[in-house]
Amino acid sequence: QVQLVESGGGSVQSGGSLSLSCQAVGLIISNHCMGWFRQAPGEEGEGVASIDSSGDTSYKDSVEGRFAITQDNAENTVSLQMNSLKPEDTAMYYCAAAPREFCAVMGWGAFTHVPLDARGQGTMVTVSS
C-alpha cells in the first residue's frame, strides 16, 4: 500500500519557521517527481516546490528564497523547510508524488495539473500576523 505521511505542521507567527517532513511507504521517491502543494480554505490548490531524482529543485515565485525542499533517498523522505513565513502561507500542505518526467516539464506546477501517483493526507500550517 502506497502512503505519503506528512508531519511538522503547526502555528507560527509571521517571520517564523516550520519544517515539514514526508515519509514515503510503498513508493520509492527517487522514481518520482516529489514535491509539495498547498490549499488555503476556499481556494484552489497551488504547487509550492518540486525535487527530482537528481536533486534539482523548483519553487513557486512567492516562496523562492524562503522555502527549501530536500530529499533523503536512504530514508525515503522529502522535507520542506519554510522560513520567513507570512500569513498568506497559511494553508493545508500536501506531500505529493507525480510521474518523474513532470519535474522537468512542469516543476512545482505539476502537482495540481497532472494525475498524481500518490498524495498525503495533509498537514496544516497557520501563520498569524
N, C-alpha and C. Protein backbone atom coordinates (compact mmCIF):
# COMPACT_ATOMS: atom_id res chain seq x y z
N GLN A 1 0.85 -1.19 0.00
CA GLN A 1 0.00 0.00 0.00
C GLN A 1 0.88 1.23 0.00
N VAL A 2 0.57 2.17 -0.90
CA VAL A 2 1.35 3.39 -1.03
C VAL A 2 0.81 4.44 -0.07
N GLN A 3 1.72 5.03 0.69
CA GLN A 3 1.33 6.10 1.61
C GLN A 3 2.39 7.18 1.63
N LEU A 4 1.95 8.42 1.71
CA LEU A 4 2.83 9.55 2.00
C LEU A 4 2.32 10.15 3.30
N VAL A 5 3.15 10.14 4.31
CA VAL A 5 2.73 10.58 5.64
C VAL A 5 3.47 11.86 6.01
N GLU A 6 2.71 12.96 6.12
CA GLU A 6 3.31 14.24 6.45
C GLU A 6 3.32 14.47 7.95
N SER A 7 4.27 15.28 8.39
CA SER A 7 4.32 15.72 9.77
C SER A 7 4.99 17.08 9.81
N GLY A 8 4.81 17.79 10.93
CA GLY A 8 5.56 19.02 11.14
C GLY A 8 4.78 20.30 10.99
N GLY A 9 3.50 20.24 10.65
CA GLY A 9 2.73 21.47 10.55
C GLY A 9 2.49 22.07 11.92
N GLY A 10 1.86 23.24 11.93
CA GLY A 10 1.57 23.89 13.21
C GLY A 10 1.28 25.36 13.01
N SER A 11 1.32 26.07 14.12
CA SER A 11 1.05 27.50 14.10
C SER A 11 2.31 28.28 14.46
N VAL A 12 2.51 29.38 13.76
CA VAL A 12 3.70 30.20 13.98
C VAL A 12 3.36 31.64 13.67
N GLN A 13 4.10 32.56 14.25
CA GLN A 13 3.89 33.97 13.96
C GLN A 13 4.62 34.34 12.68
N SER A 14 4.17 35.41 12.07
CA SER A 14 4.79 35.91 10.85
C SER A 14 6.29 36.10 11.07
N GLY A 15 7.07 35.63 10.11
CA GLY A 15 8.52 35.69 10.23
C GLY A 15 9.15 34.43 10.80
N GLY A 16 8.32 33.55 11.31
CA GLY A 16 8.82 32.32 11.92
C GLY A 16 9.12 31.24 10.89
N SER A 17 9.50 30.07 11.41
CA SER A 17 9.90 28.95 10.56
C SER A 17 9.18 27.67 10.97
N LEU A 18 8.97 26.80 10.00
CA LEU A 18 8.45 25.47 10.24
C LEU A 18 9.13 24.52 9.27
N SER A 19 9.23 23.26 9.68
CA SER A 19 9.79 22.24 8.81
C SER A 19 8.78 21.12 8.66
N LEU A 20 8.45 20.78 7.43
CA LEU A 20 7.54 19.68 7.13
C LEU A 20 8.34 18.48 6.65
N SER A 21 7.86 17.30 7.01
CA SER A 21 8.51 16.08 6.58
C SER A 21 7.49 15.14 5.97
N CYS A 22 7.92 14.34 5.01
CA CYS A 22 7.03 13.40 4.32
C CYS A 22 7.73 12.05 4.22
N GLN A 23 7.15 11.06 4.87
CA GLN A 23 7.70 9.70 4.82
C GLN A 23 6.93 8.90 3.78
N ALA A 24 7.64 8.37 2.79
CA ALA A 24 7.01 7.55 1.76
C ALA A 24 7.07 6.08 2.14
N VAL A 25 5.93 5.43 1.99
CA VAL A 25 5.82 3.99 2.27
C VAL A 25 5.26 3.32 1.02
N GLY A 26 5.91 2.25 0.56
CA GLY A 26 5.42 1.56 -0.62
C GLY A 26 5.69 2.27 -1.92
N LEU A 27 6.54 3.29 -1.88
CA LEU A 27 6.85 4.09 -3.06
C LEU A 27 8.29 4.55 -2.91
N ILE A 28 9.08 4.44 -3.94
CA ILE A 28 10.48 4.88 -3.90
C ILE A 28 10.55 6.29 -4.46
N ILE A 29 10.90 7.25 -3.62
CA ILE A 29 10.79 8.66 -4.03
C ILE A 29 11.70 8.99 -5.21
N SER A 30 12.82 8.30 -5.35
CA SER A 30 13.73 8.62 -6.45
C SER A 30 13.17 8.20 -7.80
N ASN A 31 12.09 7.46 -7.82
CA ASN A 31 11.43 7.08 -9.07
C ASN A 31 10.32 8.04 -9.48
N HIS A 32 10.17 9.12 -8.72
CA HIS A 32 9.06 10.05 -8.95
C HIS A 32 9.53 11.49 -8.88
N CYS A 33 8.70 12.37 -9.42
CA CYS A 33 8.83 13.80 -9.17
C CYS A 33 8.13 14.06 -7.84
N MET A 34 8.89 14.48 -6.84
CA MET A 34 8.32 14.68 -5.50
C MET A 34 8.15 16.16 -5.21
N GLY A 35 7.21 16.48 -4.35
CA GLY A 35 7.06 17.87 -4.01
C GLY A 35 5.93 18.13 -3.05
N TRP A 36 5.59 19.40 -2.95
CA TRP A 36 4.54 19.86 -2.04
C TRP A 36 3.60 20.80 -2.77
N PHE A 37 2.33 20.66 -2.46
CA PHE A 37 1.38 21.68 -2.88
C PHE A 37 0.55 22.07 -1.67
N ARG A 38 -0.16 23.18 -1.75
CA ARG A 38 -0.94 23.67 -0.62
C ARG A 38 -2.31 24.14 -1.08
N GLN A 39 -3.22 24.15 -0.15
CA GLN A 39 -4.56 24.63 -0.43
C GLN A 39 -5.07 25.41 0.76
N ALA A 40 -5.34 26.69 0.53
CA ALA A 40 -5.90 27.54 1.56
C ALA A 40 -7.42 27.38 1.56
N PRO A 41 -8.09 27.63 2.68
CA PRO A 41 -9.55 27.49 2.75
C PRO A 41 -10.24 28.32 1.66
N GLY A 42 -11.10 27.68 0.92
CA GLY A 42 -11.86 28.37 -0.11
C GLY A 42 -11.09 28.68 -1.38
N GLU A 43 -9.87 28.19 -1.47
CA GLU A 43 -9.06 28.48 -2.65
C GLU A 43 -8.65 27.20 -3.36
N GLU A 44 -8.20 27.34 -4.58
CA GLU A 44 -7.70 26.18 -5.32
C GLU A 44 -6.29 25.84 -4.83
N GLY A 45 -5.93 24.58 -5.04
CA GLY A 45 -4.59 24.17 -4.67
C GLY A 45 -3.55 24.80 -5.57
N GLU A 46 -2.35 25.00 -5.02
CA GLU A 46 -1.25 25.54 -5.81
C GLU A 46 0.04 24.82 -5.45
N GLY A 47 0.83 24.54 -6.47
CA GLY A 47 2.11 23.91 -6.22
C GLY A 47 3.03 24.86 -5.47
N VAL A 48 3.96 24.27 -4.73
CA VAL A 48 4.89 25.07 -3.93
C VAL A 48 6.33 24.78 -4.34
N ALA A 49 6.70 23.50 -4.38
CA ALA A 49 8.09 23.14 -4.67
C ALA A 49 8.15 21.72 -5.20
N SER A 50 9.17 21.47 -6.00
CA SER A 50 9.40 20.12 -6.52
C SER A 50 10.88 19.77 -6.43
N ILE A 51 11.14 18.46 -6.44
CA ILE A 51 12.51 17.98 -6.46
C ILE A 51 12.55 16.68 -7.26
N ASP A 52 13.55 16.55 -8.13
CA ASP A 52 13.62 15.33 -8.93
C ASP A 52 14.70 14.40 -8.39
N SER A 53 14.88 13.28 -9.05
CA SER A 53 15.80 12.26 -8.55
C SER A 53 17.24 12.73 -8.53
N SER A 54 17.54 13.76 -9.32
CA SER A 54 18.90 14.31 -9.33
C SER A 54 19.11 15.37 -8.26
N GLY A 55 18.02 15.73 -7.60
CA GLY A 55 18.10 16.77 -6.59
C GLY A 55 17.83 18.16 -7.14
N ASP A 56 17.47 18.26 -8.42
CA ASP A 56 17.11 19.56 -8.99
C ASP A 56 15.77 20.01 -8.43
N THR A 57 15.69 21.29 -8.07
CA THR A 57 14.50 21.81 -7.40
C THR A 57 13.87 22.95 -8.20
N SER A 58 12.59 23.18 -7.95
CA SER A 58 11.92 24.36 -8.49
C SER A 58 10.94 24.86 -7.45
N TYR A 59 10.66 26.17 -7.48
CA TYR A 59 9.82 26.80 -6.47
C TYR A 59 8.85 27.79 -7.10
N LYS A 60 7.67 27.84 -6.52
CA LYS A 60 6.73 28.91 -6.85
C LYS A 60 7.42 30.23 -6.50
N ASP A 61 7.20 31.24 -7.34
CA ASP A 61 7.89 32.51 -7.16
C ASP A 61 7.75 33.09 -5.76
N SER A 62 6.56 32.99 -5.19
CA SER A 62 6.29 33.64 -3.91
C SER A 62 7.00 32.98 -2.73
N VAL A 63 7.55 31.76 -2.93
CA VAL A 63 8.25 31.09 -1.84
C VAL A 63 9.75 30.96 -2.12
N GLU A 64 10.15 31.31 -3.34
CA GLU A 64 11.57 31.23 -3.71
C GLU A 64 12.41 32.03 -2.73
N GLY A 65 13.48 31.43 -2.23
CA GLY A 65 14.35 32.10 -1.28
C GLY A 65 13.92 31.97 0.17
N ARG A 66 12.67 31.54 0.39
CA ARG A 66 12.19 31.34 1.76
C ARG A 66 12.00 29.86 2.10
N PHE A 67 11.63 29.07 1.10
CA PHE A 67 11.38 27.64 1.29
C PHE A 67 12.51 26.84 0.65
N ALA A 68 12.80 25.68 1.23
CA ALA A 68 13.81 24.79 0.65
C ALA A 68 13.33 23.35 0.74
N ILE A 69 13.29 22.68 -0.42
CA ILE A 69 12.87 21.29 -0.46
C ILE A 69 14.11 20.40 -0.56
N THR A 70 14.11 19.34 0.20
CA THR A 70 15.21 18.38 0.16
C THR A 70 14.65 16.96 0.19
N GLN A 71 15.48 16.02 -0.20
CA GLN A 71 15.06 14.62 -0.12
C GLN A 71 16.21 13.78 0.42
N ASP A 72 15.84 12.73 1.11
CA ASP A 72 16.81 11.77 1.63
C ASP A 72 16.43 10.41 1.05
N ASN A 73 17.14 10.00 0.02
CA ASN A 73 16.78 8.75 -0.65
C ASN A 73 16.97 7.53 0.24
N ALA A 74 17.95 7.58 1.12
CA ALA A 74 18.19 6.46 2.02
C ALA A 74 17.03 6.27 3.00
N GLU A 75 16.48 7.40 3.47
CA GLU A 75 15.35 7.35 4.40
C GLU A 75 14.01 7.37 3.69
N ASN A 76 14.04 7.63 2.38
CA ASN A 76 12.82 7.72 1.57
C ASN A 76 11.89 8.83 2.09
N THR A 77 12.49 9.98 2.39
CA THR A 77 11.72 11.11 2.90
C THR A 77 11.97 12.36 2.06
N VAL A 78 11.00 13.24 2.08
CA VAL A 78 11.09 14.55 1.46
C VAL A 78 10.73 15.58 2.52
N SER A 79 11.48 16.67 2.56
CA SER A 79 11.25 17.69 3.58
C SER A 79 11.08 19.05 2.93
N LEU A 80 10.39 19.93 3.66
CA LEU A 80 10.21 21.31 3.21
C LEU A 80 10.51 22.22 4.39
N GLN A 81 11.61 22.93 4.30
CA GLN A 81 11.97 23.93 5.31
C GLN A 81 11.36 25.26 4.89
N MET A 82 10.56 25.84 5.77
CA MET A 82 9.86 27.09 5.46
C MET A 82 10.32 28.16 6.42
N ASN A 83 10.95 29.19 5.90
CA ASN A 83 11.44 30.30 6.70
C ASN A 83 10.73 31.59 6.31
N SER A 84 10.85 32.59 7.16
CA SER A 84 10.23 33.90 6.90
C SER A 84 8.77 33.75 6.50
N LEU A 85 8.06 32.96 7.25
CA LEU A 85 6.67 32.66 6.90
C LEU A 85 5.80 33.90 6.98
N LYS A 86 4.80 33.94 6.09
CA LYS A 86 3.88 35.07 6.00
C LYS A 86 2.45 34.55 6.20
N PRO A 87 1.54 35.41 6.60
CA PRO A 87 0.14 34.97 6.77
C PRO A 87 -0.42 34.33 5.50
N GLU A 88 0.00 34.79 4.34
CA GLU A 88 -0.50 34.22 3.09
C GLU A 88 0.02 32.82 2.81
N ASP A 89 0.95 32.33 3.62
CA ASP A 89 1.41 30.94 3.51
C ASP A 89 0.47 29.99 4.25
N THR A 90 -0.50 30.52 4.98
CA THR A 90 -1.43 29.69 5.71
C THR A 90 -2.22 28.80 4.75
N ALA A 91 -2.17 27.48 4.98
CA ALA A 91 -2.83 26.51 4.10
C ALA A 91 -2.62 25.11 4.64
N MET A 92 -3.36 24.17 4.05
CA MET A 92 -3.06 22.75 4.25
C MET A 92 -1.98 22.40 3.25
N TYR A 93 -0.92 21.80 3.72
CA TYR A 93 0.20 21.42 2.87
C TYR A 93 0.19 19.92 2.63
N TYR A 94 0.33 19.54 1.36
CA TYR A 94 0.28 18.13 0.97
C TYR A 94 1.59 17.72 0.32
N CYS A 95 2.10 16.58 0.72
CA CYS A 95 3.21 15.95 0.04
C CYS A 95 2.65 15.18 -1.15
N ALA A 96 3.35 15.19 -2.28
CA ALA A 96 2.82 14.54 -3.47
C ALA A 96 3.92 13.91 -4.30
N ALA A 97 3.53 12.86 -5.01
CA ALA A 97 4.42 12.19 -5.96
C ALA A 97 3.75 12.21 -7.32
N ALA A 98 4.47 12.68 -8.32
CA ALA A 98 3.97 12.72 -9.69
C ALA A 98 4.90 11.88 -10.56
N PRO A 99 4.44 11.50 -11.75
CA PRO A 99 5.33 10.78 -12.66
C PRO A 99 6.61 11.58 -12.86
N ARG A 100 7.76 10.88 -12.88
CA ARG A 100 9.04 11.56 -12.79
C ARG A 100 9.30 12.55 -13.91
N GLU A 101 8.73 12.32 -15.10
CA GLU A 101 9.02 13.21 -16.23
C GLU A 101 8.46 14.62 -16.03
N PHE A 102 7.50 14.76 -15.13
CA PHE A 102 6.85 16.06 -14.97
C PHE A 102 7.69 17.07 -14.20
N CYS A 103 8.71 16.62 -13.49
CA CYS A 103 9.57 17.59 -12.82
C CYS A 103 10.25 18.49 -13.83
N ALA A 104 10.76 17.90 -14.90
CA ALA A 104 11.46 18.69 -15.91
C ALA A 104 10.50 19.56 -16.71
N VAL A 105 9.30 19.03 -16.95
CA VAL A 105 8.34 19.72 -17.82
C VAL A 105 7.58 20.81 -17.07
N MET A 106 7.18 20.53 -15.83
CA MET A 106 6.29 21.45 -15.12
C MET A 106 6.83 21.90 -13.76
N GLY A 107 7.78 21.18 -13.21
CA GLY A 107 8.31 21.56 -11.91
C GLY A 107 7.23 21.62 -10.85
N TRP A 108 7.25 22.70 -10.04
CA TRP A 108 6.32 22.82 -8.93
C TRP A 108 4.87 22.87 -9.39
N GLY A 109 4.62 23.20 -10.62
CA GLY A 109 3.26 23.27 -11.12
C GLY A 109 2.61 21.92 -11.40
N ALA A 110 3.41 20.86 -11.37
CA ALA A 110 2.90 19.54 -11.74
C ALA A 110 1.81 19.04 -10.81
N PHE A 111 1.93 19.32 -9.53
CA PHE A 111 1.13 18.61 -8.53
C PHE A 111 -0.33 18.99 -8.53
N THR A 112 -0.68 20.09 -9.17
CA THR A 112 -2.09 20.46 -9.27
C THR A 112 -2.59 20.40 -10.70
N HIS A 113 -1.80 19.80 -11.60
CA HIS A 113 -2.19 19.77 -13.00
C HIS A 113 -2.08 18.40 -13.66
N VAL A 114 -1.50 17.42 -12.97
CA VAL A 114 -1.37 16.09 -13.56
C VAL A 114 -1.87 15.05 -12.55
N PRO A 115 -2.30 13.88 -13.05
CA PRO A 115 -2.69 12.82 -12.12
C PRO A 115 -1.50 12.42 -11.26
N LEU A 116 -1.74 12.38 -9.95
CA LEU A 116 -0.66 12.07 -9.02
C LEU A 116 -0.51 10.57 -8.81
N ASP A 117 0.71 10.15 -8.55
CA ASP A 117 0.96 8.77 -8.18
C ASP A 117 0.57 8.54 -6.71
N ALA A 118 0.69 9.58 -5.92
CA ALA A 118 0.31 9.49 -4.50
C ALA A 118 0.27 10.89 -3.91
N ARG A 119 -0.51 11.04 -2.85
CA ARG A 119 -0.53 12.29 -2.09
C ARG A 119 -0.79 11.96 -0.63
N GLY A 120 -0.33 12.82 0.25
CA GLY A 120 -0.53 12.59 1.66
C GLY A 120 -1.87 13.13 2.12
N GLN A 121 -2.10 13.01 3.42
CA GLN A 121 -3.37 13.44 3.99
C GLN A 121 -3.37 14.93 4.32
N GLY A 122 -2.20 15.53 4.30
CA GLY A 122 -2.09 16.96 4.54
C GLY A 122 -1.72 17.30 5.97
N THR A 123 -1.03 18.42 6.12
CA THR A 123 -0.69 18.95 7.44
C THR A 123 -0.91 20.45 7.40
N MET A 124 -1.57 20.97 8.44
CA MET A 124 -1.98 22.38 8.44
C MET A 124 -0.85 23.29 8.90
N VAL A 125 -0.67 24.38 8.17
CA VAL A 125 0.28 25.43 8.55
C VAL A 125 -0.51 26.72 8.71
N THR A 126 -0.41 27.33 9.89
CA THR A 126 -1.11 28.57 10.16
C THR A 126 -0.10 29.63 10.58
N VAL A 127 -0.10 30.75 9.86
CA VAL A 127 0.83 31.84 10.15
C VAL A 127 0.01 33.06 10.56
N SER A 128 0.24 33.54 11.76
CA SER A 128 -0.51 34.69 12.26
C SER A 128 0.34 35.96 12.14
N SER A 129 -0.36 37.06 11.94
CA SER A 129 0.35 38.35 11.76
C SER A 129 0.64 39.00 13.07
